Amino acid sequence: MMAGFREWLPIFSGDNIFYFMQKGHYFLHLSRDVTPDAFAARCAKRTAARAARGADPDLGVREGFTAIPLEYAYRDVLATLGHPLARAARPDFLTGRFVADAQETAEARLPAARGADRVLVYDGENCEFVELRPDGLRALEALRRAGSLAALAETIDSSRPNADRAREKLMAFAAELHRLGVLAPRGATVTQPV
């Protein structure tokens, strides 16, 4: 069966770990009569819809998030783990590949993670991570307490210098969190403590 898939569906060919990790998802879609082209179009549509999300005044914090303090920048650690030397150090149980002495080589040649004060927000429902700075988490908690983006924006004192700039930064931050899935229109979720 896999030989047939490799021959007719290029997505199943090669030994790249991406293909092995994603094959289960493709099988599920193919079993529901979704062609590879239709699957790719559906993914592109979902990606475009997420990218178009903005700072809706009715946004609130989605339920089910957990915040975990980190001593390193999550993005930097992911970049290091994605380096070919780091990937070679992990045994690949799906393909059977193992590179001897890869751990020592990776430790010697890859830089150590730099310290950074970060917070990792984890969405257990969708298994996604969002990295924030501590002040970003404080803004997220203020949004949760306010109940909506509009309510939080109203707390910015217009008589203070730079109030418009503060409101713009809040809206930009909320739009980014909405694109990342941390925020949703209040009718779609019940807010809980972060």
N, C-alpha and C. Protein backbone atom coordinates (compact mmCIF):
# COMPACT_ATOMS: atom_id res chain seq x y z
N MET A 1 0.82 -1.19 0.00
CA MET A 1 0.00 0.00 0.00
C MET A 1 0.87 1.26 0.00
N MET A 2 1.91 1.26 0.86
CA MET A 2 2.79 2.44 0.92
C MET A 2 3.51 2.63 -0.41
N ALA A 3 3.84 1.54 -1.08
CA ALA A 3 4.51 1.66 -2.38
C ALA A 3 3.59 2.38 -3.37
N GLY A 4 2.33 2.04 -3.33
CA GLY A 4 1.36 2.71 -4.20
C GLY A 4 1.22 4.18 -3.86
N PHE A 5 1.15 4.50 -2.56
CA PHE A 5 1.07 5.90 -2.15
C PHE A 5 2.30 6.68 -2.61
N ARG A 6 3.48 6.07 -2.43
CA ARG A 6 4.70 6.77 -2.84
C ARG A 6 4.73 7.02 -4.34
N GLU A 7 4.20 6.07 -5.11
CA GLU A 7 4.21 6.21 -6.57
C GLU A 7 3.24 7.29 -7.04
N TRP A 8 2.04 7.34 -6.45
CA TRP A 8 0.99 8.22 -6.96
C TRP A 8 0.85 9.52 -6.19
N LEU A 9 1.32 9.57 -4.95
CA LEU A 9 1.18 10.79 -4.13
C LEU A 9 2.55 11.22 -3.64
N PRO A 10 3.16 12.20 -4.26
CA PRO A 10 4.52 12.62 -3.90
C PRO A 10 4.69 13.00 -2.42
N ILE A 11 3.60 13.43 -1.78
CA ILE A 11 3.71 13.83 -0.37
C ILE A 11 4.19 12.66 0.49
N PHE A 12 3.98 11.42 0.05
CA PHE A 12 4.37 10.25 0.83
C PHE A 12 5.75 9.72 0.47
N SER A 13 6.46 10.40 -0.40
CA SER A 13 7.78 9.91 -0.79
C SER A 13 8.87 10.58 0.03
N GLY A 14 10.05 10.05 -0.02
CA GLY A 14 11.18 10.63 0.70
C GLY A 14 11.24 10.12 2.13
N ASP A 15 12.33 10.45 2.81
CA ASP A 15 12.47 9.99 4.19
C ASP A 15 12.54 11.18 5.15
N ASN A 16 12.07 12.34 4.71
CA ASN A 16 12.04 13.51 5.58
C ASN A 16 11.10 13.26 6.74
N ILE A 17 11.50 13.59 7.95
CA ILE A 17 10.69 13.34 9.14
C ILE A 17 9.33 14.02 9.04
N PHE A 18 9.26 15.16 8.34
CA PHE A 18 7.97 15.85 8.18
C PHE A 18 6.95 14.92 7.56
N TYR A 19 7.36 14.18 6.52
CA TYR A 19 6.41 13.30 5.84
C TYR A 19 5.96 12.17 6.76
N PHE A 20 6.88 11.61 7.52
CA PHE A 20 6.52 10.50 8.40
C PHE A 20 5.59 10.96 9.52
N MET A 21 5.84 12.15 10.05
CA MET A 21 5.02 12.64 11.15
C MET A 21 3.63 13.05 10.69
N GLN A 22 3.50 13.48 9.43
CA GLN A 22 2.22 13.98 8.94
C GLN A 22 1.38 12.92 8.23
N LYS A 23 1.93 11.76 7.94
CA LYS A 23 1.20 10.78 7.14
C LYS A 23 -0.12 10.38 7.77
N GLY A 24 -0.17 10.23 9.08
CA GLY A 24 -1.42 9.85 9.74
C GLY A 24 -2.53 10.84 9.44
N HIS A 25 -2.20 12.14 9.44
CA HIS A 25 -3.20 13.16 9.13
C HIS A 25 -3.69 13.03 7.69
N TYR A 26 -2.77 12.80 6.76
CA TYR A 26 -3.17 12.66 5.37
C TYR A 26 -4.05 11.43 5.16
N PHE A 27 -3.71 10.32 5.83
CA PHE A 27 -4.52 9.11 5.71
C PHE A 27 -5.95 9.39 6.16
N LEU A 28 -6.10 10.12 7.26
CA LEU A 28 -7.45 10.43 7.75
C LEU A 28 -8.23 11.22 6.71
N HIS A 29 -7.60 12.22 6.12
CA HIS A 29 -8.29 13.02 5.11
C HIS A 29 -8.59 12.21 3.85
N LEU A 30 -7.63 11.39 3.41
CA LEU A 30 -7.85 10.58 2.22
C LEU A 30 -8.97 9.57 2.44
N SER A 31 -9.08 9.05 3.66
CA SER A 31 -10.13 8.08 3.95
C SER A 31 -11.51 8.73 3.91
N ARG A 32 -11.56 10.06 4.01
CA ARG A 32 -12.84 10.78 3.92
C ARG A 32 -13.02 11.37 2.52
N ASP A 33 -12.33 10.82 1.54
CA ASP A 33 -12.42 11.25 0.14
C ASP A 33 -11.99 12.69 -0.07
N VAL A 34 -11.03 13.16 0.72
CA VAL A 34 -10.46 14.50 0.51
C VAL A 34 -9.17 14.31 -0.27
N THR A 35 -9.10 14.87 -1.45
CA THR A 35 -7.91 14.72 -2.28
C THR A 35 -6.76 15.56 -1.70
N PRO A 36 -5.51 15.23 -2.05
CA PRO A 36 -4.39 16.04 -1.57
C PRO A 36 -4.53 17.51 -1.96
N ASP A 37 -5.03 17.78 -3.18
CA ASP A 37 -5.20 19.17 -3.60
C ASP A 37 -6.27 19.87 -2.77
N ALA A 38 -7.37 19.16 -2.49
CA ALA A 38 -8.43 19.75 -1.66
C ALA A 38 -7.92 19.98 -0.24
N PHE A 39 -7.11 19.05 0.27
CA PHE A 39 -6.55 19.21 1.62
C PHE A 39 -5.64 20.43 1.67
N ALA A 40 -4.78 20.58 0.63
CA ALA A 40 -3.88 21.74 0.58
C ALA A 40 -4.68 23.04 0.47
N ALA A 41 -5.75 23.03 -0.32
CA ALA A 41 -6.59 24.23 -0.46
C ALA A 41 -7.27 24.57 0.86
N ARG A 42 -7.74 23.56 1.58
CA ARG A 42 -8.38 23.79 2.88
C ARG A 42 -7.38 24.39 3.87
N CYS A 43 -6.14 23.87 3.88
CA CYS A 43 -5.11 24.40 4.78
C CYS A 43 -4.78 25.85 4.42
N ALA A 44 -4.68 26.14 3.12
CA ALA A 44 -4.37 27.51 2.67
C ALA A 44 -5.50 28.46 3.07
N LYS A 45 -6.73 28.02 2.94
CA LYS A 45 -7.89 28.85 3.31
C LYS A 45 -7.87 29.16 4.81
N ARG A 46 -7.59 28.12 5.62
CA ARG A 46 -7.55 28.31 7.08
C ARG A 46 -6.41 29.26 7.46
N THR A 47 -5.25 29.11 6.82
CA THR A 47 -4.11 29.98 7.10
C THR A 47 -4.43 31.43 6.73
N ALA A 48 -5.06 31.63 5.58
CA ALA A 48 -5.43 32.99 5.16
C ALA A 48 -6.46 33.61 6.11
N ALA A 49 -7.42 32.80 6.56
CA ALA A 49 -8.44 33.31 7.50
C ALA A 49 -7.80 33.72 8.82
N ARG A 50 -6.84 32.95 9.29
CA ARG A 50 -6.15 33.31 10.54
C ARG A 50 -5.35 34.59 10.36
N ALA A 51 -4.67 34.71 9.22
CA ALA A 51 -3.84 35.89 8.96
C ALA A 51 -4.68 37.16 8.88
N ALA A 52 -5.96 37.03 8.51
CA ALA A 52 -6.83 38.20 8.35
C ALA A 52 -7.48 38.64 9.66
N ARG A 53 -7.30 37.88 10.72
CA ARG A 53 -7.92 38.24 12.00
C ARG A 53 -7.38 39.57 12.51
N GLY A 54 -8.25 40.35 13.08
CA GLY A 54 -7.85 41.65 13.62
C GLY A 54 -8.22 41.79 15.08
N ALA A 55 -8.26 43.04 15.55
CA ALA A 55 -8.54 43.34 16.95
C ALA A 55 -10.02 43.65 17.13
N ASP A 56 -10.86 42.65 17.06
CA ASP A 56 -12.30 42.79 17.27
C ASP A 56 -12.54 43.27 18.71
N PRO A 57 -13.35 44.31 18.91
CA PRO A 57 -13.58 44.82 20.27
C PRO A 57 -14.17 43.78 21.22
N ASP A 58 -14.85 42.75 20.68
CA ASP A 58 -15.51 41.75 21.52
C ASP A 58 -14.58 40.58 21.88
N LEU A 59 -13.30 40.69 21.55
CA LEU A 59 -12.38 39.59 21.85
C LEU A 59 -12.19 39.40 23.35
N GLY A 60 -12.06 38.13 23.73
CA GLY A 60 -11.74 37.76 25.11
C GLY A 60 -10.73 36.64 25.09
N VAL A 61 -10.22 36.28 26.25
CA VAL A 61 -9.22 35.21 26.37
C VAL A 61 -9.93 33.87 26.25
N ARG A 62 -9.46 33.03 25.35
CA ARG A 62 -10.04 31.69 25.21
C ARG A 62 -9.79 30.89 26.46
N GLU A 63 -10.68 29.96 26.76
CA GLU A 63 -10.51 29.15 27.95
C GLU A 63 -9.45 28.08 27.75
N GLY A 64 -8.95 27.56 28.86
CA GLY A 64 -8.08 26.41 28.82
C GLY A 64 -6.60 26.67 28.64
N PHE A 65 -6.16 27.92 28.75
CA PHE A 65 -4.73 28.19 28.60
C PHE A 65 -4.00 28.05 29.92
N THR A 66 -2.77 27.58 29.83
CA THR A 66 -1.88 27.47 30.98
C THR A 66 -0.64 28.29 30.67
N ALA A 67 -0.18 29.07 31.63
CA ALA A 67 1.04 29.87 31.45
C ALA A 67 2.16 29.25 32.26
N ILE A 68 3.31 29.04 31.60
CA ILE A 68 4.46 28.40 32.23
C ILE A 68 5.66 29.32 32.07
N PRO A 69 6.29 29.76 33.20
CA PRO A 69 7.47 30.62 33.07
C PRO A 69 8.66 29.82 32.51
N LEU A 70 9.44 30.49 31.66
CA LEU A 70 10.63 29.87 31.05
C LEU A 70 11.85 30.72 31.33
N GLU A 71 13.00 30.08 31.39
CA GLU A 71 14.26 30.80 31.57
C GLU A 71 14.96 31.02 30.23
N TYR A 72 14.38 30.52 29.14
CA TYR A 72 14.96 30.64 27.82
C TYR A 72 13.88 31.06 26.83
N ALA A 73 14.30 31.61 25.71
CA ALA A 73 13.35 31.96 24.66
C ALA A 73 12.96 30.67 23.93
N TYR A 74 11.69 30.35 23.97
CA TYR A 74 11.16 29.14 23.34
C TYR A 74 11.50 29.10 21.86
N ARG A 75 11.40 30.23 21.19
CA ARG A 75 11.69 30.32 19.75
C ARG A 75 13.15 29.94 19.47
N ASP A 76 14.07 30.41 20.31
CA ASP A 76 15.49 30.07 20.12
C ASP A 76 15.74 28.58 20.33
N VAL A 77 15.09 28.00 21.35
CA VAL A 77 15.25 26.57 21.61
C VAL A 77 14.72 25.75 20.44
N LEU A 78 13.56 26.15 19.90
CA LEU A 78 13.01 25.44 18.73
C LEU A 78 13.96 25.51 17.54
N ALA A 79 14.56 26.69 17.34
CA ALA A 79 15.50 26.84 16.23
C ALA A 79 16.70 25.92 16.41
N THR A 80 17.20 25.82 17.63
CA THR A 80 18.34 24.94 17.90
C THR A 80 17.95 23.49 17.69
N LEU A 81 16.77 23.10 18.21
CA LEU A 81 16.33 21.71 18.05
C LEU A 81 16.06 21.36 16.59
N GLY A 82 15.75 22.36 15.77
CA GLY A 82 15.50 22.12 14.36
C GLY A 82 16.76 22.06 13.51
N HIS A 83 17.90 22.43 14.10
CA HIS A 83 19.17 22.39 13.38
C HIS A 83 19.49 20.94 13.00
N PRO A 84 20.06 20.71 11.82
CA PRO A 84 20.37 19.33 11.40
C PRO A 84 21.23 18.56 12.41
N LEU A 85 22.16 19.24 13.09
CA LEU A 85 22.98 18.53 14.07
C LEU A 85 22.14 18.05 15.26
N ALA A 86 21.19 18.87 15.69
CA ALA A 86 20.31 18.47 16.80
C ALA A 86 19.36 17.36 16.36
N ARG A 87 18.85 17.45 15.13
CA ARG A 87 17.95 16.40 14.64
C ARG A 87 18.68 15.07 14.52
N ALA A 88 19.95 15.13 14.12
CA ALA A 88 20.72 13.89 13.98
C ALA A 88 20.98 13.24 15.33
N ALA A 89 20.95 14.01 16.41
CA ALA A 89 21.22 13.47 17.74
C ALA A 89 20.04 12.68 18.29
N ARG A 90 18.85 12.85 17.69
CA ARG A 90 17.67 12.12 18.18
C ARG A 90 17.48 10.86 17.34
N PRO A 91 17.35 9.70 17.99
CA PRO A 91 17.05 8.49 17.21
C PRO A 91 15.70 8.65 16.51
N ASP A 92 15.63 8.25 15.27
CA ASP A 92 14.40 8.35 14.50
C ASP A 92 13.76 6.96 14.46
N PHE A 93 12.77 6.77 15.33
CA PHE A 93 12.16 5.45 15.44
C PHE A 93 11.26 5.13 14.25
N LEU A 94 10.87 6.15 13.50
CA LEU A 94 10.00 5.91 12.35
C LEU A 94 10.78 5.41 11.15
N THR A 95 12.02 5.85 11.01
CA THR A 95 12.83 5.43 9.86
C THR A 95 13.94 4.47 10.26
N GLY A 96 14.21 4.36 11.57
CA GLY A 96 15.26 3.47 12.04
C GLY A 96 16.65 4.08 11.99
N ARG A 97 16.74 5.38 11.64
CA ARG A 97 18.05 6.02 11.55
C ARG A 97 18.57 6.37 12.94
N PHE A 98 19.87 6.17 13.11
CA PHE A 98 20.54 6.58 14.34
C PHE A 98 21.96 6.97 13.97
N VAL A 99 22.39 8.15 14.43
CA VAL A 99 23.74 8.62 14.11
C VAL A 99 24.59 8.54 15.38
N ALA A 100 25.59 7.69 15.34
CA ALA A 100 26.48 7.52 16.50
C ALA A 100 27.26 8.82 16.74
N ASP A 101 27.49 9.16 18.00
CA ASP A 101 28.24 10.34 18.43
C ASP A 101 27.59 11.66 18.02
N ALA A 102 26.36 11.62 17.56
CA ALA A 102 25.69 12.86 17.13
C ALA A 102 25.43 13.79 18.32
N GLN A 103 25.14 13.22 19.49
CA GLN A 103 24.88 14.03 20.68
C GLN A 103 26.11 14.87 21.03
N GLU A 104 27.28 14.24 21.07
CA GLU A 104 28.51 14.95 21.41
C GLU A 104 28.83 16.03 20.37
N THR A 105 28.61 15.72 19.10
CA THR A 105 28.87 16.69 18.03
C THR A 105 27.94 17.88 18.15
N ALA A 106 26.66 17.62 18.41
CA ALA A 106 25.69 18.72 18.55
C ALA A 106 26.04 19.59 19.75
N GLU A 107 26.38 18.98 20.89
CA GLU A 107 26.72 19.76 22.09
C GLU A 107 27.95 20.62 21.86
N ALA A 108 28.91 20.09 21.10
CA ALA A 108 30.16 20.83 20.86
C ALA A 108 29.97 21.98 19.87
N ARG A 109 29.09 21.82 18.89
CA ARG A 109 29.01 22.80 17.81
C ARG A 109 27.82 23.75 17.89
N LEU A 110 26.76 23.37 18.61
CA LEU A 110 25.59 24.25 18.69
C LEU A 110 25.70 25.15 19.92
N PRO A 111 25.27 26.41 19.80
CA PRO A 111 25.36 27.31 20.95
C PRO A 111 24.36 26.93 22.04
N ALA A 112 24.74 27.21 23.28
CA ALA A 112 23.82 26.98 24.40
C ALA A 112 22.69 28.00 24.34
N ALA A 113 21.55 27.64 24.86
CA ALA A 113 20.42 28.56 24.88
C ALA A 113 20.74 29.75 25.77
N ARG A 114 20.43 30.94 25.27
CA ARG A 114 20.64 32.16 26.05
C ARG A 114 19.50 32.33 27.04
N GLY A 115 19.82 32.84 28.19
CA GLY A 115 18.79 33.10 29.19
C GLY A 115 17.87 34.22 28.74
N ALA A 116 16.59 34.07 29.02
CA ALA A 116 15.60 35.09 28.69
C ALA A 116 14.39 34.89 29.58
N ASP A 117 13.78 35.97 30.00
CA ASP A 117 12.59 35.90 30.84
C ASP A 117 11.37 35.82 29.93
N ARG A 118 10.80 34.63 29.78
CA ARG A 118 9.67 34.41 28.88
C ARG A 118 8.59 33.60 29.59
N VAL A 119 7.41 33.61 28.99
CA VAL A 119 6.28 32.82 29.47
C VAL A 119 5.74 32.05 28.27
N LEU A 120 5.54 30.76 28.46
CA LEU A 120 4.97 29.94 27.41
C LEU A 120 3.50 29.72 27.74
N VAL A 121 2.63 30.16 26.85
CA VAL A 121 1.19 29.97 27.02
C VAL A 121 0.82 28.75 26.19
N TYR A 122 0.21 27.77 26.85
CA TYR A 122 -0.10 26.50 26.20
C TYR A 122 -1.62 26.33 26.08
N ASP A 123 -2.07 26.03 24.89
CA ASP A 123 -3.47 25.75 24.63
C ASP A 123 -3.62 24.24 24.53
N GLY A 124 -4.11 23.61 25.61
CA GLY A 124 -4.25 22.16 25.64
C GLY A 124 -5.23 21.62 24.64
N GLU A 125 -6.26 22.39 24.31
CA GLU A 125 -7.28 21.93 23.37
C GLU A 125 -6.71 21.76 21.98
N ASN A 126 -5.88 22.71 21.54
CA ASN A 126 -5.32 22.67 20.19
C ASN A 126 -3.86 22.28 20.16
N CYS A 127 -3.28 22.00 21.33
CA CYS A 127 -1.87 21.60 21.44
C CYS A 127 -0.94 22.61 20.79
N GLU A 128 -1.16 23.89 21.07
CA GLU A 128 -0.32 24.94 20.51
C GLU A 128 0.34 25.74 21.63
N PHE A 129 1.51 26.31 21.31
CA PHE A 129 2.26 27.12 22.25
C PHE A 129 2.40 28.53 21.70
N VAL A 130 2.34 29.52 22.59
CA VAL A 130 2.59 30.90 22.23
C VAL A 130 3.56 31.45 23.27
N GLU A 131 4.65 32.03 22.79
CA GLU A 131 5.65 32.60 23.70
C GLU A 131 5.35 34.08 23.92
N LEU A 132 5.34 34.49 25.19
CA LEU A 132 5.12 35.89 25.56
C LEU A 132 6.23 36.35 26.48
N ARG A 133 6.40 37.65 26.54
CA ARG A 133 7.23 38.23 27.58
C ARG A 133 6.34 38.40 28.81
N PRO A 134 6.91 38.55 29.99
CA PRO A 134 6.08 38.72 31.19
C PRO A 134 5.09 39.88 31.08
N ASP A 135 5.48 41.00 30.44
CA ASP A 135 4.53 42.11 30.30
C ASP A 135 3.38 41.74 29.36
N GLY A 136 3.63 40.86 28.39
CA GLY A 136 2.56 40.37 27.53
C GLY A 136 1.57 39.53 28.30
N LEU A 137 2.09 38.72 29.24
CA LEU A 137 1.20 37.93 30.09
C LEU A 137 0.36 38.84 30.99
N ARG A 138 0.98 39.92 31.50
CA ARG A 138 0.22 40.87 32.33
C ARG A 138 -0.91 41.51 31.52
N ALA A 139 -0.63 41.85 30.27
CA ALA A 139 -1.68 42.42 29.40
C ALA A 139 -2.77 41.39 29.14
N LEU A 140 -2.39 40.14 28.95
CA LEU A 140 -3.37 39.08 28.74
C LEU A 140 -4.24 38.89 29.97
N GLU A 141 -3.62 38.93 31.15
CA GLU A 141 -4.39 38.80 32.40
C GLU A 141 -5.32 39.99 32.60
N ALA A 142 -4.86 41.20 32.22
CA ALA A 142 -5.72 42.39 32.32
C ALA A 142 -6.91 42.25 31.38
N LEU A 143 -6.69 41.70 30.21
CA LEU A 143 -7.77 41.48 29.26
C LEU A 143 -8.77 40.46 29.81
N ARG A 144 -8.27 39.42 30.43
CA ARG A 144 -9.16 38.42 31.05
C ARG A 144 -10.02 39.06 32.12
N ARG A 145 -9.38 39.87 32.97
CA ARG A 145 -10.14 40.53 34.05
C ARG A 145 -11.16 41.51 33.50
N ALA A 146 -10.81 42.24 32.44
CA ALA A 146 -11.72 43.22 31.86
C ALA A 146 -12.90 42.54 31.16
N GLY A 147 -12.68 41.35 30.63
CA GLY A 147 -13.75 40.61 29.97
C GLY A 147 -13.78 40.76 28.47
N SER A 148 -13.32 41.88 27.95
CA SER A 148 -13.28 42.06 26.49
C SER A 148 -12.21 43.09 26.15
N LEU A 149 -11.81 43.09 24.90
CA LEU A 149 -10.82 44.05 24.44
C LEU A 149 -11.38 45.47 24.55
N ALA A 150 -12.65 45.66 24.20
CA ALA A 150 -13.26 46.99 24.30
C ALA A 150 -13.25 47.49 25.74
N ALA A 151 -13.57 46.62 26.68
CA ALA A 151 -13.59 47.02 28.09
C ALA A 151 -12.20 47.39 28.58
N LEU A 152 -11.18 46.64 28.15
CA LEU A 152 -9.81 46.96 28.55
C LEU A 152 -9.36 48.28 27.92
N ALA A 153 -9.69 48.49 26.65
CA ALA A 153 -9.30 49.74 25.97
C ALA A 153 -9.93 50.95 26.67
N GLU A 154 -11.12 50.79 27.22
CA GLU A 154 -11.79 51.90 27.92
C GLU A 154 -11.07 52.30 29.20
N THR A 155 -10.26 51.41 29.74
CA THR A 155 -9.54 51.73 30.97
C THR A 155 -8.33 52.62 30.73
N ILE A 156 -7.96 52.82 29.48
CA ILE A 156 -6.82 53.69 29.15
C ILE A 156 -7.30 55.14 29.27
N ASP A 157 -6.69 55.85 30.17
CA ASP A 157 -7.07 57.24 30.45
C ASP A 157 -6.67 58.13 29.28
N SER A 158 -7.67 58.66 28.56
CA SER A 158 -7.41 59.50 27.38
C SER A 158 -6.69 60.78 27.68
N SER A 159 -6.73 61.24 28.94
CA SER A 159 -6.07 62.50 29.30
C SER A 159 -4.57 62.32 29.49
N ARG A 160 -4.12 61.11 29.58
CA ARG A 160 -2.69 60.87 29.80
C ARG A 160 -1.92 61.00 28.49
N PRO A 161 -0.66 61.45 28.60
CA PRO A 161 0.16 61.53 27.37
C PRO A 161 0.33 60.13 26.77
N ASN A 162 0.37 60.06 25.47
CA ASN A 162 0.58 58.82 24.73
C ASN A 162 -0.57 57.81 24.90
N ALA A 163 -1.77 58.27 25.31
CA ALA A 163 -2.90 57.35 25.46
C ALA A 163 -3.26 56.71 24.12
N ASP A 164 -3.21 57.50 23.05
CA ASP A 164 -3.54 56.94 21.73
C ASP A 164 -2.53 55.88 21.33
N ARG A 165 -1.26 56.14 21.62
CA ARG A 165 -0.21 55.16 21.30
C ARG A 165 -0.41 53.87 22.11
N ALA A 166 -0.77 54.02 23.39
CA ALA A 166 -1.01 52.84 24.24
C ALA A 166 -2.18 52.02 23.69
N ARG A 167 -3.23 52.71 23.24
CA ARG A 167 -4.39 52.03 22.68
C ARG A 167 -4.00 51.30 21.38
N GLU A 168 -3.20 51.94 20.53
CA GLU A 168 -2.74 51.31 19.29
C GLU A 168 -1.92 50.05 19.58
N LYS A 169 -1.03 50.14 20.56
CA LYS A 169 -0.20 48.98 20.91
C LYS A 169 -1.06 47.84 21.45
N LEU A 170 -2.07 48.18 22.26
CA LEU A 170 -2.97 47.17 22.79
C LEU A 170 -3.72 46.48 21.65
N MET A 171 -4.21 47.26 20.69
CA MET A 171 -4.95 46.69 19.57
C MET A 171 -4.05 45.80 18.70
N ALA A 172 -2.82 46.23 18.47
CA ALA A 172 -1.89 45.42 17.68
C ALA A 172 -1.57 44.10 18.39
N PHE A 173 -1.37 44.18 19.70
CA PHE A 173 -1.07 42.99 20.50
C PHE A 173 -2.28 42.04 20.47
N ALA A 174 -3.48 42.58 20.62
CA ALA A 174 -4.69 41.76 20.61
C ALA A 174 -4.88 41.11 19.24
N ALA A 175 -4.63 41.85 18.18
CA ALA A 175 -4.76 41.28 16.83
C ALA A 175 -3.80 40.11 16.65
N GLU A 176 -2.57 40.27 17.13
CA GLU A 176 -1.59 39.18 17.02
C GLU A 176 -2.04 37.96 17.84
N LEU A 177 -2.52 38.19 19.05
CA LEU A 177 -3.00 37.07 19.88
C LEU A 177 -4.23 36.42 19.25
N HIS A 178 -5.05 37.20 18.58
CA HIS A 178 -6.21 36.64 17.88
C HIS A 178 -5.75 35.75 16.73
N ARG A 179 -4.74 36.20 15.97
CA ARG A 179 -4.20 35.38 14.88
C ARG A 179 -3.59 34.09 15.42
N LEU A 180 -3.00 34.15 16.61
CA LEU A 180 -2.37 32.97 17.21
C LEU A 180 -3.37 32.06 17.90
N GLY A 181 -4.62 32.50 18.03
CA GLY A 181 -5.65 31.66 18.62
C GLY A 181 -5.82 31.81 20.12
N VAL A 182 -5.10 32.73 20.74
CA VAL A 182 -5.21 32.94 22.19
C VAL A 182 -6.50 33.69 22.52
N LEU A 183 -6.90 34.60 21.64
CA LEU A 183 -8.13 35.36 21.83
C LEU A 183 -9.18 34.90 20.84
N ALA A 184 -10.44 35.03 21.24
CA ALA A 184 -11.57 34.68 20.38
C ALA A 184 -12.73 35.59 20.74
N PRO A 185 -13.69 35.77 19.84
CA PRO A 185 -14.88 36.54 20.20
C PRO A 185 -15.52 35.93 21.44
N ARG A 186 -15.98 36.76 22.35
CA ARG A 186 -16.48 36.28 23.63
C ARG A 186 -17.61 35.28 23.50
N GLY A 187 -18.44 35.38 22.51
CA GLY A 187 -19.52 34.41 22.34
C GLY A 187 -19.02 33.01 22.05
N ALA A 188 -17.77 32.89 21.62
CA ALA A 188 -17.22 31.60 21.24
C ALA A 188 -16.50 30.89 22.38
N THR A 189 -16.37 31.56 23.53
CA THR A 189 -15.58 30.97 24.61
C THR A 189 -16.00 31.51 25.96
N VAL A 190 -15.64 30.81 26.99
CA VAL A 190 -15.81 31.28 28.36
C VAL A 190 -14.44 31.57 28.91
N THR A 191 -14.20 32.75 29.43
CA THR A 191 -12.86 33.07 29.90
C THR A 191 -12.60 32.42 31.25
N GLN A 192 -11.38 31.99 31.44
CA GLN A 192 -10.92 31.42 32.70
C GLN A 192 -9.58 32.06 33.04
N PRO A 193 -9.13 31.92 34.29
CA PRO A 193 -7.83 32.46 34.64
C PRO A 193 -6.72 31.87 33.80
N VAL A 194 -5.75 32.69 33.47
CA VAL A 194 -4.60 32.25 32.68
C VAL A 194 -3.65 31.51 33.58
